[in-house]
Amino acid sequence: MRVNEIVDKLGLEVLAADSLAREVSGAYIGDLLSNVMARAEEGNLWLTIQGHQNVVAVALLANVAAVIVVEGMTVEDAAVARAEEKGVNILRSELSAYELAAKLVKMGIE
C-alpha cells in the first residue's frame, strides 16, 4: 500500500509531502529518537508525538515512508520547512498512536 492511499483512507492531514506514492513496508511507533534510528525499517510509517526538526533528521536516517504525528500534536514550522527541503513526508492525525496502529493493522499494514 502507498502513503497516499493511507492518507485518503484515514483522512490524515498532509503537512509536508515529497513522495506520497512511496510504498509502505510496515509501521514503527516510538518517541525516543535513538530507538527509531536503531529499529525503524526502511519504508515504515513512523508514528510519534514529536514535532521538532530532529524528527526530520531521524526520518532521513531511517528512510521511513512517512512520519505521522499523532494526537494532533503541534509540528514546528521549522520542522515542516526542513521536511519539505529534505523530501520527508510529514502527516498528522488526531488519533492516538494505538488507535492509528489498530486501523493500520486492519488495512494490512503490520
PDB file of N, CA and C in Angstrom:
ATOM      1  N   MET A   1       0.848  -1.179   0.000  1.00  0.00           N
ATOM      2  CA  MET A   1       0.000   0.000   0.000  1.00  0.00           C
ATOM      3  C   MET A   1       0.895   1.244   0.000  1.00  0.00           C
ATOM      4  N   ARG A   2       0.429   2.275  -0.615  1.00  0.00           N
ATOM      5  CA  ARG A   2       1.198   3.519  -0.730  1.00  0.00           C
ATOM      6  C   ARG A   2       0.716   4.556   0.298  1.00  0.00           C
ATOM      7  N   VAL A   3       1.604   5.500   0.591  1.00  0.00           N
ATOM      8  CA  VAL A   3       1.302   6.542   1.575  1.00  0.00           C
ATOM      9  C   VAL A   3       0.027   7.283   1.199  1.00  0.00           C
ATOM     10  N   ASN A   4      -0.134   7.651  -0.074  1.00  0.00           N
ATOM     11  CA  ASN A   4      -1.313   8.429  -0.466  1.00  0.00           C
ATOM     12  C   ASN A   4      -2.617   7.662  -0.230  1.00  0.00           C
ATOM     13  N   GLU A   5      -2.595   6.351  -0.372  1.00  0.00           N
ATOM     14  CA  GLU A   5      -3.793   5.547  -0.104  1.00  0.00           C
ATOM     15  C   GLU A   5      -4.138   5.589   1.379  1.00  0.00           C
ATOM     16  N   ILE A   6      -3.122   5.545   2.211  1.00  0.00           N
ATOM     17  CA  ILE A   6      -3.330   5.594   3.663  1.00  0.00           C
ATOM     18  C   ILE A   6      -3.848   6.972   4.068  1.00  0.00           C
ATOM     19  N   VAL A   7      -3.292   8.019   3.467  1.00  0.00           N
ATOM     20  CA  VAL A   7      -3.769   9.389   3.729  1.00  0.00           C
ATOM     21  C   VAL A   7      -5.257   9.482   3.420  1.00  0.00           C
ATOM     22  N   ASP A   8      -5.652   8.978   2.264  1.00  0.00           N
ATOM     23  CA  ASP A   8      -7.058   9.048   1.854  1.00  0.00           C
ATOM     24  C   ASP A   8      -7.961   8.226   2.757  1.00  0.00           C
ATOM     25  N   LYS A   9      -7.568   6.997   3.053  1.00  0.00           N
ATOM     26  CA  LYS A   9      -8.421   6.097   3.837  1.00  0.00           C
ATOM     27  C   LYS A   9      -8.574   6.538   5.288  1.00  0.00           C
ATOM     28  N   LEU A  10      -7.536   7.169   5.829  1.00  0.00           N
ATOM     29  CA  LEU A  10      -7.577   7.552   7.243  1.00  0.00           C
ATOM     30  C   LEU A  10      -7.791   9.045   7.452  1.00  0.00           C
ATOM     31  N   GLY A  11      -7.896   9.803   6.373  1.00  0.00           N
ATOM     32  CA  GLY A  11      -8.134  11.242   6.493  1.00  0.00           C
ATOM     33  C   GLY A  11      -7.002  11.976   7.190  1.00  0.00           C
ATOM     34  N   LEU A  12      -5.770  11.595   6.889  1.00  0.00           N
ATOM     35  CA  LEU A  12      -4.618  12.227   7.524  1.00  0.00           C
ATOM     36  C   LEU A  12      -4.368  13.608   6.921  1.00  0.00           C
ATOM     37  N   GLU A  13      -3.887  14.511   7.743  1.00  0.00           N
ATOM     38  CA  GLU A  13      -3.525  15.851   7.297  1.00  0.00           C
ATOM     39  C   GLU A  13      -2.099  15.796   6.743  1.00  0.00           C
ATOM     40  N   VAL A  14      -1.892  16.324   5.565  1.00  0.00           N
ATOM     41  CA  VAL A  14      -0.567  16.360   4.955  1.00  0.00           C
ATOM     42  C   VAL A  14       0.085  17.694   5.288  1.00  0.00           C
ATOM     43  N   LEU A  15       1.186  17.642   6.033  1.00  0.00           N
ATOM     44  CA  LEU A  15       1.906  18.862   6.402  1.00  0.00           C
ATOM     45  C   LEU A  15       3.077  19.129   5.465  1.00  0.00           C
ATOM     46  N   ALA A  16       3.744  18.069   5.044  1.00  0.00           N
ATOM     47  CA  ALA A  16       4.844  18.166   4.081  1.00  0.00           C
ATOM     48  C   ALA A  16       4.790  16.914   3.226  1.00  0.00           C
ATOM     49  N   ALA A  17       4.899  17.087   1.924  1.00  0.00           N
ATOM     50  CA  ALA A  17       4.790  15.936   1.037  1.00  0.00           C
ATOM     51  C   ALA A  17       5.868  15.997  -0.032  1.00  0.00           C
ATOM     52  N   ASP A  18       6.616  14.929  -0.124  1.00  0.00           N
ATOM     53  CA  ASP A  18       7.602  14.803  -1.184  1.00  0.00           C
ATOM     54  C   ASP A  18       7.150  13.732  -2.158  1.00  0.00           C
ATOM     55  N   SER A  19       6.937  12.534  -1.622  1.00  0.00           N
ATOM     56  CA  SER A  19       6.529  11.420  -2.469  1.00  0.00           C
ATOM     57  C   SER A  19       5.473  10.597  -1.745  1.00  0.00           C
ATOM     58  N   LEU A  20       4.239  11.008  -1.889  1.00  0.00           N
ATOM     59  CA  LEU A  20       3.157  10.261  -1.260  1.00  0.00           C
ATOM     60  C   LEU A  20       2.888   8.954  -1.978  1.00  0.00           C
ATOM     61  N   ALA A  21       3.587   8.706  -3.070  1.00  0.00           N
ATOM     62  CA  ALA A  21       3.451   7.443  -3.798  1.00  0.00           C
ATOM     63  C   ALA A  21       4.390   6.373  -3.243  1.00  0.00           C
ATOM     64  N   ARG A  22       5.147   6.688  -2.192  1.00  0.00           N
ATOM     65  CA  ARG A  22       6.065   5.696  -1.608  1.00  0.00           C
ATOM     66  C   ARG A  22       5.306   4.498  -1.071  1.00  0.00           C
ATOM     67  N   GLU A  23       5.878   3.352  -1.276  1.00  0.00           N
ATOM     68  CA  GLU A  23       5.311   2.101  -0.776  1.00  0.00           C
ATOM     69  C   GLU A  23       5.613   1.986   0.720  1.00  0.00           C
ATOM     70  N   VAL A  24       4.630   1.524   1.477  1.00  0.00           N
ATOM     71  CA  VAL A  24       4.764   1.356   2.929  1.00  0.00           C
ATOM     72  C   VAL A  24       5.051  -0.107   3.235  1.00  0.00           C
ATOM     73  N   SER A  25       6.096  -0.335   4.032  1.00  0.00           N
ATOM     74  CA  SER A  25       6.503  -1.700   4.356  1.00  0.00           C
ATOM     75  C   SER A  25       6.046  -2.159   5.734  1.00  0.00           C
ATOM     76  N   GLY A  26       5.567  -1.245   6.557  1.00  0.00           N
ATOM     77  CA  GLY A  26       5.158  -1.580   7.918  1.00  0.00           C
ATOM     78  C   GLY A  26       5.049  -0.303   8.728  1.00  0.00           C
ATOM     79  N   ALA A  27       5.096  -0.441  10.033  1.00  0.00           N
ATOM     80  CA  ALA A  27       4.983   0.733  10.903  1.00  0.00           C
ATOM     81  C   ALA A  27       5.885   0.564  12.114  1.00  0.00           C
ATOM     82  N   TYR A  28       6.304   1.702  12.649  1.00  0.00           N
ATOM     83  CA  TYR A  28       7.090   1.730  13.879  1.00  0.00           C
ATOM     84  C   TYR A  28       6.519   2.837  14.741  1.00  0.00           C
ATOM     85  N   ILE A  29       6.321   2.564  16.025  1.00  0.00           N
ATOM     86  CA  ILE A  29       5.814   3.562  16.957  1.00  0.00           C
ATOM     87  C   ILE A  29       6.898   3.841  17.973  1.00  0.00           C
ATOM     88  N   GLY A  30       7.252   5.107  18.117  1.00  0.00           N
ATOM     89  CA  GLY A  30       8.248   5.447  19.117  1.00  0.00           C
ATOM     90  C   GLY A  30       8.544   6.924  19.151  1.00  0.00           C
ATOM     91  N   ASP A  31       8.937   7.378  20.342  1.00  0.00           N
ATOM     92  CA  ASP A  31       9.257   8.783  20.541  1.00  0.00           C
ATOM     93  C   ASP A  31      10.714   8.997  20.944  1.00  0.00           C
ATOM     94  N   LEU A  32      11.406   7.912  21.282  1.00  0.00           N
ATOM     95  CA  LEU A  32      12.813   8.003  21.628  1.00  0.00           C
ATOM     96  C   LEU A  32      13.616   7.899  20.332  1.00  0.00           C
ATOM     97  N   LEU A  33      14.213   8.993  19.924  1.00  0.00           N
ATOM     98  CA  LEU A  33      14.825   9.078  18.602  1.00  0.00           C
ATOM     99  C   LEU A  33      15.908   8.034  18.379  1.00  0.00           C
ATOM    100  N   SER A  34      16.679   7.718  19.398  1.00  0.00           N
ATOM    101  CA  SER A  34      17.726   6.702  19.234  1.00  0.00           C
ATOM    102  C   SER A  34      17.127   5.332  18.941  1.00  0.00           C
ATOM    103  N   ASN A  35      15.986   5.029  19.531  1.00  0.00           N
ATOM    104  CA  ASN A  35      15.321   3.755  19.232  1.00  0.00           C
ATOM    105  C   ASN A  35      14.806   3.732  17.797  1.00  0.00           C
ATOM    106  N   VAL A  36      14.271   4.834  17.354  1.00  0.00           N
ATOM    107  CA  VAL A  36      13.764   4.906  15.985  1.00  0.00           C
ATOM    108  C   VAL A  36      14.914   4.699  15.005  1.00  0.00           C
ATOM    109  N   MET A  37      16.047   5.338  15.260  1.00  0.00           N
ATOM    110  CA  MET A  37      17.205   5.178  14.382  1.00  0.00           C
ATOM    111  C   MET A  37      17.668   3.723  14.339  1.00  0.00           C
ATOM    112  N   ALA A  38      17.579   3.044  15.465  1.00  0.00           N
ATOM    113  CA  ALA A  38      18.072   1.665  15.546  1.00  0.00           C
ATOM    114  C   ALA A  38      17.070   0.629  15.048  1.00  0.00           C
ATOM    115  N   ARG A  39      15.768   0.923  15.147  1.00  0.00           N
ATOM    116  CA  ARG A  39      14.781  -0.125  14.924  1.00  0.00           C
ATOM    117  C   ARG A  39      13.765   0.100  13.812  1.00  0.00           C
ATOM    118  N   ALA A  40      13.527   1.326  13.440  1.00  0.00           N
ATOM    119  CA  ALA A  40      12.586   1.556  12.334  1.00  0.00           C
ATOM    120  C   ALA A  40      13.212   1.022  11.058  1.00  0.00           C
ATOM    121  N   GLU A  41      12.380   0.469  10.201  1.00  0.00           N
ATOM    122  CA  GLU A  41      12.871  -0.105   8.955  1.00  0.00           C
ATOM    123  C   GLU A  41      12.517   0.789   7.776  1.00  0.00           C
ATOM    124  N   GLU A  42      13.314   0.668   6.737  1.00  0.00           N
ATOM    125  CA  GLU A  42      13.077   1.422   5.519  1.00  0.00           C
ATOM    126  C   GLU A  42      11.652   1.193   5.025  1.00  0.00           C
ATOM    127  N   GLY A  43      10.970   2.284   4.697  1.00  0.00           N
ATOM    128  CA  GLY A  43       9.611   2.188   4.183  1.00  0.00           C
ATOM    129  C   GLY A  43       8.531   2.140   5.242  1.00  0.00           C
ATOM    130  N   ASN A  44       8.922   2.147   6.526  1.00  0.00           N
ATOM    131  CA  ASN A  44       7.928   2.150   7.599  1.00  0.00           C
ATOM    132  C   ASN A  44       7.212   3.488   7.687  1.00  0.00           C
ATOM    133  N   LEU A  45       6.028   3.466   8.255  1.00  0.00           N
ATOM    134  CA  LEU A  45       5.372   4.675   8.743  1.00  0.00           C
ATOM    135  C   LEU A  45       5.860   4.830  10.176  1.00  0.00           C
ATOM    136  N   TRP A  46       6.303   6.007  10.538  1.00  0.00           N
ATOM    137  CA  TRP A  46       6.773   6.253  11.901  1.00  0.00           C
ATOM    138  C   TRP A  46       5.728   7.085  12.615  1.00  0.00           C
ATOM    139  N   LEU A  47       5.106   6.508  13.645  1.00  0.00           N
ATOM    140  CA  LEU A  47       4.097   7.182  14.449  1.00  0.00           C
ATOM    141  C   LEU A  47       4.768   7.742  15.694  1.00  0.00           C
ATOM    142  N   THR A  48       4.586   9.042  15.933  1.00  0.00           N
ATOM    143  CA  THR A  48       5.241   9.720  17.045  1.00  0.00           C
ATOM    144  C   THR A  48       4.434  10.920  17.498  1.00  0.00           C
ATOM    145  N   ILE A  49       4.757  11.410  18.695  1.00  0.00           N
ATOM    146  CA  ILE A  49       4.173  12.676  19.157  1.00  0.00           C
ATOM    147  C   ILE A  49       5.146  13.834  18.934  1.00  0.00           C
ATOM    148  N   GLN A  50       6.349  13.527  18.484  1.00  0.00           N
ATOM    149  CA  GLN A  50       7.394  14.537  18.301  1.00  0.00           C
ATOM    150  C   GLN A  50       7.115  15.381  17.061  1.00  0.00           C
ATOM    151  N   GLY A  51       7.359  16.681  17.168  1.00  0.00           N
ATOM    152  CA  GLY A  51       7.106  17.566  16.041  1.00  0.00           C
ATOM    153  C   GLY A  51       8.200  18.600  15.824  1.00  0.00           C
ATOM    154  N   HIS A  52       9.436  18.240  16.149  1.00  0.00           N
ATOM    155  CA  HIS A  52      10.549  19.181  16.005  1.00  0.00           C
ATOM    156  C   HIS A  52      11.471  18.755  14.860  1.00  0.00           C
ATOM    157  N   GLN A  53      12.464  19.585  14.568  1.00  0.00           N
ATOM    158  CA  GLN A  53      13.344  19.358  13.419  1.00  0.00           C
ATOM    159  C   GLN A  53      14.127  18.052  13.484  1.00  0.00           C
ATOM    160  N   ASN A  54      14.446  17.574  14.665  1.00  0.00           N
ATOM    161  CA  ASN A  54      15.219  16.336  14.768  1.00  0.00           C
ATOM    162  C   ASN A  54      14.452  15.146  14.191  1.00  0.00           C
ATOM    163  N   VAL A  55      13.144  15.235  14.176  1.00  0.00           N
ATOM    164  CA  VAL A  55      12.322  14.175  13.589  1.00  0.00           C
ATOM    165  C   VAL A  55      12.660  14.023  12.102  1.00  0.00           C
ATOM    166  N   VAL A  56      12.874  15.122  11.431  1.00  0.00           N
ATOM    167  CA  VAL A  56      13.202  15.081  10.008  1.00  0.00           C
ATOM    168  C   VAL A  56      14.544  14.379   9.797  1.00  0.00           C
ATOM    169  N   ALA A  57      15.517  14.700  10.624  1.00  0.00           N
ATOM    170  CA  ALA A  57      16.834  14.070  10.502  1.00  0.00           C
ATOM    171  C   ALA A  57      16.746  12.565  10.727  1.00  0.00           C
ATOM    172  N   VAL A  58      16.002  12.155  11.732  1.00  0.00           N
ATOM    173  CA  VAL A  58      15.858  10.730  12.024  1.00  0.00           C
ATOM    174  C   VAL A  58      15.076  10.033  10.911  1.00  0.00           C
ATOM    175  N   ALA A  59      14.053  10.684  10.397  1.00  0.00           N
ATOM    176  CA  ALA A  59      13.277  10.102   9.295  1.00  0.00           C
ATOM    177  C   ALA A  59      14.163   9.860   8.079  1.00  0.00           C
ATOM    178  N   LEU A  60      15.076  10.774   7.829  1.00  0.00           N
ATOM    179  CA  LEU A  60      16.015  10.605   6.713  1.00  0.00           C
ATOM    180  C   LEU A  60      16.965   9.441   6.967  1.00  0.00           C
ATOM    181  N   LEU A  61      17.505   9.367   8.171  1.00  0.00           N
ATOM    182  CA  LEU A  61      18.426   8.282   8.513  1.00  0.00           C
ATOM    183  C   LEU A  61      17.758   6.917   8.409  1.00  0.00           C
ATOM    184  N   ALA A  62      16.521   6.836   8.883  1.00  0.00           N
ATOM    185  CA  ALA A  62      15.795   5.562   8.875  1.00  0.00           C
ATOM    186  C   ALA A  62      15.143   5.285   7.527  1.00  0.00           C
ATOM    187  N   ASN A  63      15.066   6.301   6.681  1.00  0.00           N
ATOM    188  CA  ASN A  63      14.436   6.198   5.358  1.00  0.00           C
ATOM    189  C   ASN A  63      12.997   5.694   5.454  1.00  0.00           C
ATOM    190  N   VAL A  64      12.226   6.301   6.372  1.00  0.00           N
ATOM    191  CA  VAL A  64      10.823   5.924   6.527  1.00  0.00           C
ATOM    192  C   VAL A  64       9.998   6.502   5.391  1.00  0.00           C
ATOM    193  N   ALA A  65       8.867   5.877   5.122  1.00  0.00           N
ATOM    194  CA  ALA A  65       7.972   6.346   4.060  1.00  0.00           C
ATOM    195  C   ALA A  65       7.281   7.648   4.456  1.00  0.00           C
ATOM    196  N   ALA A  66       6.974   7.777   5.745  1.00  0.00           N
ATOM    197  CA  ALA A  66       6.334   8.999   6.245  1.00  0.00           C
ATOM    198  C   ALA A  66       6.397   9.010   7.762  1.00  0.00           C
ATOM    199  N   VAL A  67       6.383  10.198   8.297  1.00  0.00           N
ATOM    200  CA  VAL A  67       6.222  10.416   9.733  1.00  0.00           C
ATOM    201  C   VAL A  67       4.767  10.796   9.940  1.00  0.00           C
ATOM    202  N   ILE A  68       4.113  10.147  10.897  1.00  0.00           N
ATOM    203  CA  ILE A  68       2.748  10.542  11.248  1.00  0.00           C
ATOM    204  C   ILE A  68       2.767  11.032  12.684  1.00  0.00           C
ATOM    205  N   VAL A  69       2.511  12.311  12.861  1.00  0.00           N
ATOM    206  CA  VAL A  69       2.441  12.904  14.186  1.00  0.00           C
ATOM    207  C   VAL A  69       1.026  12.671  14.699  1.00  0.00           C
ATOM    208  N   VAL A  70       0.935  11.979  15.815  1.00  0.00           N
ATOM    209  CA  VAL A  70      -0.355  11.549  16.342  1.00  0.00           C
ATOM    210  C   VAL A  70      -0.867  12.514  17.416  1.00  0.00           C
ATOM    211  N   GLU A  71      -2.090  12.294  17.837  1.00  0.00           N
ATOM    212  CA  GLU A  71      -2.761  13.060  18.888  1.00  0.00           C
ATOM    213  C   GLU A  71      -2.890  14.535  18.543  1.00  0.00           C
ATOM    214  N   GLY A  72      -2.818  14.851  17.244  1.00  0.00           N
ATOM    215  CA  GLY A  72      -2.975  16.238  16.821  1.00  0.00           C
ATOM    216  C   GLY A  72      -1.892  17.165  17.351  1.00  0.00           C
ATOM    217  N   MET A  73      -0.753  16.596  17.714  1.00  0.00           N
ATOM    218  CA  MET A  73       0.326  17.398  18.294  1.00  0.00           C
ATOM    219  C   MET A  73       0.822  18.437  17.290  1.00  0.00           C
ATOM    220  N   THR A  74       1.370  19.502  17.815  1.00  0.00           N
ATOM    221  CA  THR A  74       1.903  20.584  17.001  1.00  0.00           C
ATOM    222  C   THR A  74       3.210  20.158  16.345  1.00  0.00           C
ATOM    223  N   VAL A  75       3.357  20.521  15.102  1.00  0.00           N
ATOM    224  CA  VAL A  75       4.611  20.317  14.383  1.00  0.00           C
ATOM    225  C   VAL A  75       5.188  21.699  14.115  1.00  0.00           C
ATOM    226  N   GLU A  76       6.426  21.908  14.560  1.00  0.00           N
ATOM    227  CA  GLU A  76       7.061  23.211  14.396  1.00  0.00           C
ATOM    228  C   GLU A  76       7.152  23.596  12.917  1.00  0.00           C
ATOM    229  N   ASP A  77       6.944  24.881  12.644  1.00  0.00           N
ATOM    230  CA  ASP A  77       7.058  25.378  11.275  1.00  0.00           C
ATOM    231  C   ASP A  77       8.427  25.064  10.689  1.00  0.00           C
ATOM    232  N   ALA A  78       9.462  25.176  11.519  1.00  0.00           N
ATOM    233  CA  ALA A  78      10.823  24.883  11.054  1.00  0.00           C
ATOM    234  C   ALA A  78      10.956  23.424  10.658  1.00  0.00           C
ATOM    235  N   ALA A  79      10.261  22.525  11.352  1.00  0.00           N
ATOM    236  CA  ALA A  79      10.307  21.105  11.008  1.00  0.00           C
ATOM    237  C   ALA A  79       9.615  20.853   9.675  1.00  0.00           C
ATOM    238  N   VAL A  80       8.499  21.513   9.449  1.00  0.00           N
ATOM    239  CA  VAL A  80       7.789  21.361   8.180  1.00  0.00           C
ATOM    240  C   VAL A  80       8.647  21.887   7.035  1.00  0.00           C
ATOM    241  N   ALA A  81       9.262  23.039   7.235  1.00  0.00           N
ATOM    242  CA  ALA A  81      10.127  23.621   6.202  1.00  0.00           C
ATOM    243  C   ALA A  81      11.309  22.702   5.907  1.00  0.00           C
ATOM    244  N   ARG A  82      11.897  22.145   6.943  1.00  0.00           N
ATOM    245  CA  ARG A  82      13.033  21.232   6.766  1.00  0.00           C
ATOM    246  C   ARG A  82      12.590  19.959   6.043  1.00  0.00           C
ATOM    247  N   ALA A  83      11.416  19.457   6.395  1.00  0.00           N
ATOM    248  CA  ALA A  83      10.894  18.257   5.739  1.00  0.00           C
ATOM    249  C   ALA A  83      10.667  18.502   4.252  1.00  0.00           C
ATOM    250  N   GLU A  84      10.127  19.652   3.913  1.00  0.00           N
ATOM    251  CA  GLU A  84       9.914  19.984   2.503  1.00  0.00           C
ATOM    252  C   GLU A  84      11.244  20.100   1.764  1.00  0.00           C
ATOM    253  N   GLU A  85      12.222  20.699   2.427  1.00  0.00           N
ATOM    254  CA  GLU A  85      13.556  20.867   1.835  1.00  0.00           C
ATOM    255  C   GLU A  85      14.246  19.515   1.615  1.00  0.00           C
ATOM    256  N   LYS A  86      14.091  18.602   2.567  1.00  0.00           N
ATOM    257  CA  LYS A  86      14.804  17.318   2.529  1.00  0.00           C
ATOM    258  C   LYS A  86      13.989  16.186   1.912  1.00  0.00           C
ATOM    259  N   GLY A  87      12.713  16.447   1.583  1.00  0.00           N
ATOM    260  CA  GLY A  87      11.898  15.427   0.942  1.00  0.00           C
ATOM    261  C   GLY A  87      11.340  14.376   1.881  1.00  0.00           C
ATOM    262  N   VAL A  88      10.889  14.815   3.049  1.00  0.00           N
ATOM    263  CA  VAL A  88      10.307  13.906   4.037  1.00  0.00           C
ATOM    264  C   VAL A  88       8.804  14.159   4.122  1.00  0.00           C
ATOM    265  N   ASN A  89       8.024  13.089   4.026  1.00  0.00           N
ATOM    266  CA  ASN A  89       6.570  13.198   4.183  1.00  0.00           C
ATOM    267  C   ASN A  89       6.233  13.314   5.666  1.00  0.00           C
ATOM    268  N   ILE A  90       5.518  14.376   6.034  1.00  0.00           N
ATOM    269  CA  ILE A  90       5.029  14.516   7.407  1.00  0.00           C
ATOM    270  C   ILE A  90       3.519  14.655   7.353  1.00  0.00           C
ATOM    271  N   LEU A  91       2.858  13.794   8.104  1.00  0.00           N
ATOM    272  CA  LEU A  91       1.407  13.743   8.167  1.00  0.00           C
ATOM    273  C   LEU A  91       0.985  13.938   9.612  1.00  0.00           C
ATOM    274  N   ARG A  92      -0.302  14.225   9.824  1.00  0.00           N
ATOM    275  CA  ARG A  92      -0.801  14.372  11.193  1.00  0.00           C
ATOM    276  C   ARG A  92      -2.157  13.709  11.315  1.00  0.00           C
ATOM    277  N   SER A  93      -2.377  13.147  12.511  1.00  0.00           N
ATOM    278  CA  SER A  93      -3.649  12.508  12.833  1.00  0.00           C
ATOM    279  C   SER A  93      -4.085  12.949  14.226  1.00  0.00           C
ATOM    280  N   GLU A  94      -5.387  13.063  14.404  1.00  0.00           N
ATOM    281  CA  GLU A  94      -5.928  13.354  15.733  1.00  0.00           C
ATOM    282  C   GLU A  94      -5.967  12.093  16.605  1.00  0.00           C
ATOM    283  N   LEU A  95      -5.844  10.936  15.990  1.00  0.00           N
ATOM    284  CA  LEU A  95      -5.900   9.667  16.724  1.00  0.00           C
ATOM    285  C   LEU A  95      -4.652   9.455  17.564  1.00  0.00           C
ATOM    286  N   SER A  96      -4.775   8.628  18.591  1.00  0.00           N
ATOM    287  CA  SER A  96      -3.601   8.222  19.364  1.00  0.00           C
ATOM    288  C   SER A  96      -2.798   7.231  18.528  1.00  0.00           C
ATOM    289  N   ALA A  97      -1.563   6.994  18.927  1.00  0.00           N
ATOM    290  CA  ALA A  97      -0.728   6.017  18.219  1.00  0.00           C
ATOM    291  C   ALA A  97      -1.396   4.645  18.247  1.00  0.00           C
ATOM    292  N   TYR A  98      -1.991   4.282  19.362  1.00  0.00           N
ATOM    293  CA  TYR A  98      -2.656   2.988  19.487  1.00  0.00           C
ATOM    294  C   TYR A  98      -3.835   2.880  18.513  1.00  0.00           C
ATOM    295  N   GLU A  99      -4.689   3.909  18.505  1.00  0.00           N
ATOM    296  CA  GLU A  99      -5.856   3.891  17.615  1.00  0.00           C
ATOM    297  C   GLU A  99      -5.436   3.842  16.146  1.00  0.00           C
ATOM    298  N   LEU A 100      -4.426   4.623  15.803  1.00  0.00           N
ATOM    299  CA  LEU A 100      -3.957   4.657  14.420  1.00  0.00           C
ATOM    300  C   LEU A 100      -3.320   3.322  14.036  1.00  0.00           C
ATOM    301  N   ALA A 101      -2.530   2.755  14.932  1.00  0.00           N
ATOM    302  CA  ALA A 101      -1.903   1.465  14.660  1.00  0.00           C
ATOM    303  C   ALA A 101      -2.953   0.384  14.440  1.00  0.00           C
ATOM    304  N   ALA A 102      -4.004   0.396  15.236  1.00  0.00           N
ATOM    305  CA  ALA A 102      -5.076  -0.601  15.080  1.00  0.00           C
ATOM    306  C   ALA A 102      -5.722  -0.477  13.692  1.00  0.00           C
ATOM    307  N   LYS A 103      -5.932   0.750  13.250  1.00  0.00           N
ATOM    308  CA  LYS A 103      -6.511   0.946  11.909  1.00  0.00           C
ATOM    309  C   LYS A 103      -5.546   0.490  10.818  1.00  0.00           C
ATOM    310  N   LEU A 104      -4.269   0.751  11.002  1.00  0.00           N
ATOM    311  CA  LEU A 104      -3.273   0.323  10.017  1.00  0.00           C
ATOM    312  C   LEU A 104      -3.230  -1.204   9.913  1.00  0.00           C
ATOM    313  N   VAL A 105      -3.323  -1.888  11.042  1.00  0.00           N
ATOM    314  CA  VAL A 105      -3.316  -3.347  11.029  1.00  0.00           C
ATOM    315  C   VAL A 105      -4.538  -3.867  10.263  1.00  0.00           C
ATOM    316  N   LYS A 106      -5.688  -3.262  10.492  1.00  0.00           N
ATOM    317  CA  LYS A 106      -6.909  -3.665   9.763  1.00  0.00           C
ATOM    318  C   LYS A 106      -6.765  -3.434   8.266  1.00  0.00           C
ATOM    319  N   MET A 107      -5.906  -2.484   7.881  1.00  0.00           N
ATOM    320  CA  MET A 107      -5.664  -2.214   6.473  1.00  0.00           C
ATOM    321  C   MET A 107      -4.576  -3.124   5.890  1.00  0.00           C
ATOM    322  N   GLY A 108      -3.983  -3.950   6.739  1.00  0.00           N
ATOM    323  CA  GLY A 108      -2.959  -4.865   6.270  1.00  0.00           C
ATOM    324  C   GLY A 108      -1.533  -4.388   6.472  1.00  0.00           C
ATOM    325  N   ILE A 109      -1.350  -3.263   7.158  1.00  0.00           N
ATOM    326  CA  ILE A 109      -0.009  -2.743   7.456  1.00  0.00           C
ATOM    327  C   ILE A 109       0.401  -3.290   8.814  1.00  0.00           C
ATOM    328  N   GLU A 110       1.517  -3.986   8.846  1.00  0.00           N
ATOM    329  CA  GLU A 110       1.984  -4.546  10.123  1.00  0.00           C
ATOM    330  C   GLU A 110       3.437  -4.227  10.357  1.00  0.00           C
TER     331      GLU A 110
END
